[in-house]
Amino acid sequence: MPRILTSKLSDADFNARDAKMFGSPKERLDFYRREIQYETAILSNRTNAYLTAQSFLVIAFASSMANVNPEWGKLFTLVVPPFLALLGLLSSLNAWPGIRAAYDIIDHWYYKQSELLRSEPVMGLAYDESPLFCERESSHKGYRQALLFSVRTPWIFAAFWVLLAGWAVYIQFSNPGA
């Protein structure tokens, strides 16, 4: 019967495995940067798709609020705009996990990159002297500020849709004689 080894790998074993996989710190840094670029593109695509869907819902909401048909306009503007607002809210809540997951993956790769730059003094010196790179680029504050738009947008639109739904219902009942 085969024997299963349960011992933990030492740091030297991890370093040897990493050296075989990447070859050099420069290759590892290039790998981290490619992963950051890839995940940033995914986040950008998710944000763009989300904003496109939201813009169509806003247009539909505004159009439905402008319905002045004397026969069924009152019922239409009572039902459709709140329904569209609910759809916008659900869309925002549905988009949030995917956007947050992409953000977390980018955060992970930035962490790996910054740890590599801290652990490899030669790599860190080359990084600091390069005019294309700076500490702000690899710090948490620098890239997180750049990603805040994508992360905050679903929550901003969720609040927006709740307010619009409340407004749509309020104006229907605030002027009953019209």
Protein backbone atom coordinates (compact mmCIF):
# COMPACT_ATOMS: atom_id res chain seq x y z
CA MET A 1 0.00 0.00 0.00
CA PRO A 2 1.48 3.41 -0.92
CA ARG A 3 2.52 5.64 1.89
CA ILE A 4 1.07 9.16 1.96
CA LEU A 5 3.46 11.87 3.04
CA THR A 6 1.93 14.40 5.37
CA SER A 7 4.97 16.53 6.10
CA LYS A 8 4.92 20.21 5.26
CA LEU A 9 7.16 21.61 2.58
CA SER A 10 9.91 23.85 3.84
CA ASP A 11 10.55 27.38 2.61
CA ALA A 12 13.52 26.09 0.64
CA ASP A 13 11.23 23.61 -1.16
CA PHE A 14 8.82 26.42 -2.03
CA ASN A 15 11.65 28.64 -3.29
CA ALA A 16 13.06 25.81 -5.40
CA ARG A 17 9.64 25.10 -6.87
CA ASP A 18 9.08 28.80 -7.61
CA ALA A 19 12.51 29.09 -9.22
CA LYS A 20 11.67 26.21 -11.56
CA MET A 21 8.29 27.68 -12.41
CA PHE A 22 9.33 31.30 -13.03
CA GLY A 23 13.08 31.18 -13.52
CA SER A 24 13.76 34.67 -12.20
CA PRO A 25 12.18 37.44 -10.16
CA LYS A 26 11.80 39.44 -13.39
CA GLU A 27 9.73 36.63 -14.93
CA ARG A 28 7.62 36.47 -11.79
CA LEU A 29 7.07 40.25 -11.86
CA ASP A 30 6.12 40.04 -15.54
CA PHE A 31 3.68 37.23 -14.70
CA TYR A 32 2.08 39.26 -11.89
CA ARG A 33 1.77 42.29 -14.16
CA ARG A 34 0.13 40.24 -16.91
CA GLU A 35 -2.35 38.83 -14.41
CA ILE A 36 -3.12 42.32 -13.10
CA GLN A 37 -3.66 43.55 -16.65
CA TYR A 38 -5.89 40.57 -17.49
CA GLU A 39 -8.04 40.94 -14.38
CA THR A 40 -8.27 44.71 -14.86
CA ALA A 41 -9.60 44.09 -18.37
CA ILE A 42 -12.19 41.69 -16.93
CA LEU A 43 -13.23 44.28 -14.33
CA SER A 44 -13.46 46.94 -17.03
CA ASN A 45 -15.62 44.70 -19.23
CA ARG A 46 -17.94 43.86 -16.34
CA THR A 47 -18.27 47.52 -15.41
CA ASN A 48 -18.95 48.53 -19.01
CA ALA A 49 -21.63 45.86 -19.46
CA TYR A 50 -23.23 46.85 -16.17
CA LEU A 51 -23.27 50.56 -17.03
CA THR A 52 -24.71 49.83 -20.47
CA ALA A 53 -27.56 47.84 -18.94
CA GLN A 54 -28.18 50.55 -16.37
CA SER A 55 -28.27 53.27 -19.01
CA PHE A 56 -30.93 51.39 -20.97
CA LEU A 57 -32.98 50.95 -17.81
CA VAL A 58 -32.73 54.67 -17.01
CA ILE A 59 -33.92 55.52 -20.53
CA ALA A 60 -36.82 53.06 -20.25
CA PHE A 61 -37.71 54.43 -16.81
CA ALA A 62 -37.76 58.03 -18.05
CA SER A 63 -39.77 57.08 -21.12
CA SER A 64 -42.33 55.20 -19.06
CA MET A 65 -42.70 58.12 -16.65
CA ALA A 66 -43.46 60.39 -19.61
CA ASN A 67 -46.45 58.31 -20.72
CA VAL A 68 -49.47 60.59 -21.02
CA ASN A 69 -51.95 58.22 -22.64
CA PRO A 70 -55.36 59.21 -21.20
CA GLU A 71 -56.78 55.67 -21.20
CA TRP A 72 -54.06 53.60 -19.58
CA GLY A 73 -51.21 56.04 -18.88
CA LYS A 74 -51.97 56.36 -15.15
CA LEU A 75 -51.89 52.60 -14.58
CA PHE A 76 -48.85 52.25 -16.85
CA THR A 77 -46.86 54.89 -14.95
CA LEU A 78 -47.91 53.35 -11.65
CA VAL A 79 -46.72 49.84 -12.56
CA VAL A 80 -43.90 50.02 -15.11
CA PRO A 81 -41.48 52.57 -13.56
CA PRO A 82 -41.38 50.83 -10.16
CA PHE A 83 -40.93 47.51 -11.97
CA LEU A 84 -38.01 48.96 -13.97
CA ALA A 85 -36.54 50.38 -10.77
CA LEU A 86 -36.82 46.94 -9.16
CA LEU A 87 -35.11 45.44 -12.21
CA GLY A 88 -32.33 48.04 -11.92
CA LEU A 89 -31.91 47.28 -8.21
CA LEU A 90 -31.76 43.53 -8.83
CA SER A 91 -29.29 44.10 -11.66
CA SER A 92 -27.08 46.12 -9.31
CA LEU A 93 -27.20 43.46 -6.63
CA ASN A 94 -26.44 40.80 -9.23
CA ALA A 95 -23.48 42.73 -10.69
CA TRP A 96 -21.84 43.37 -7.32
CA PRO A 97 -20.36 39.87 -6.67
CA GLY A 98 -18.65 39.69 -10.08
CA ILE A 99 -17.20 43.18 -9.79
CA ARG A 100 -16.07 42.53 -6.23
CA ALA A 101 -14.48 39.20 -7.21
CA ALA A 102 -12.45 40.86 -9.97
CA TYR A 103 -11.39 43.56 -7.51
CA ASP A 104 -10.29 40.94 -4.96
CA ILE A 105 -8.23 39.08 -7.57
CA ILE A 106 -6.52 42.31 -8.63
CA ASP A 107 -5.85 43.04 -4.97
CA HIS A 108 -4.27 39.60 -4.60
CA TRP A 109 -1.94 40.07 -7.58
CA TYR A 110 -0.91 43.56 -6.40
CA TYR A 111 -0.11 42.07 -3.01
CA LYS A 112 2.03 39.36 -4.63
CA GLN A 113 3.79 42.00 -6.72
CA SER A 114 4.54 44.24 -3.75
CA GLU A 115 5.80 41.28 -1.71
CA LEU A 116 8.12 40.29 -4.56
CA LEU A 117 9.48 43.83 -4.79
CA ARG A 118 10.05 43.91 -1.02
CA SER A 119 11.64 40.46 -0.87
CA GLU A 120 13.98 40.89 -3.83
CA PRO A 121 16.29 43.84 -3.09
CA VAL A 122 17.78 43.86 -6.59
CA MET A 123 14.33 43.81 -8.14
CA GLY A 124 13.17 46.55 -5.79
CA LEU A 125 16.08 48.81 -6.74
CA ALA A 126 15.45 48.36 -10.45
CA TYR A 127 11.77 48.99 -9.86
CA ASP A 128 12.36 52.20 -7.92
CA GLU A 129 14.78 53.61 -10.48
CA SER A 130 12.52 52.99 -13.44
CA PRO A 131 10.60 56.11 -14.48
CA LEU A 132 7.53 54.06 -15.44
CA PHE A 133 7.08 52.64 -11.96
CA CYS A 134 6.65 54.25 -8.58
CA GLU A 135 5.68 53.26 -5.04
CA ARG A 136 2.17 54.67 -5.52
CA GLU A 137 1.61 52.16 -8.32
CA SER A 138 2.25 49.19 -6.04
CA SER A 139 0.78 50.57 -2.83
CA HIS A 140 -2.72 49.66 -1.71
CA LYS A 141 -3.84 53.27 -1.83
CA GLY A 142 -2.71 53.86 -5.42
CA TYR A 143 -4.48 51.10 -7.28
CA ARG A 144 -7.48 50.92 -4.96
CA GLN A 145 -8.35 54.53 -5.72
CA ALA A 146 -8.25 53.67 -9.42
CA LEU A 147 -10.70 50.79 -8.91
CA LEU A 148 -13.16 52.60 -6.63
CA PHE A 149 -15.43 53.64 -9.50
CA SER A 150 -16.09 50.04 -10.51
CA VAL A 151 -16.55 48.90 -6.92
CA ARG A 152 -18.88 51.73 -5.86
CA THR A 153 -21.03 51.96 -8.99
CA PRO A 154 -23.41 49.06 -8.19
CA TRP A 155 -24.14 50.49 -4.75
CA ILE A 156 -24.67 53.99 -6.12
CA PHE A 157 -27.10 52.68 -8.74
CA ALA A 158 -28.87 50.51 -6.16
CA ALA A 159 -29.53 53.60 -4.03
CA PHE A 160 -30.52 55.52 -7.17
CA TRP A 161 -33.11 52.89 -8.12
CA VAL A 162 -34.60 52.81 -4.62
CA LEU A 163 -34.99 56.60 -4.72
CA LEU A 164 -36.47 56.55 -8.24
CA ALA A 165 -38.96 53.82 -7.31
CA GLY A 166 -40.06 55.80 -4.26
CA TRP A 167 -40.35 58.97 -6.31
CA ALA A 168 -42.38 57.24 -9.05
CA VAL A 169 -44.88 55.86 -6.54
CA TYR A 170 -45.01 59.13 -4.57
CA ILE A 171 -45.87 61.30 -7.55
CA GLN A 172 -48.65 58.92 -8.56
CA PHE A 173 -50.37 59.25 -5.19
CA SER A 174 -49.46 62.86 -4.35
CA ASN A 175 -51.71 64.29 -7.07
CA PRO A 176 -54.78 62.01 -7.18
CA GLY A 177 -56.95 64.44 -9.10
CA ALA A 178 -54.65 64.67 -12.11
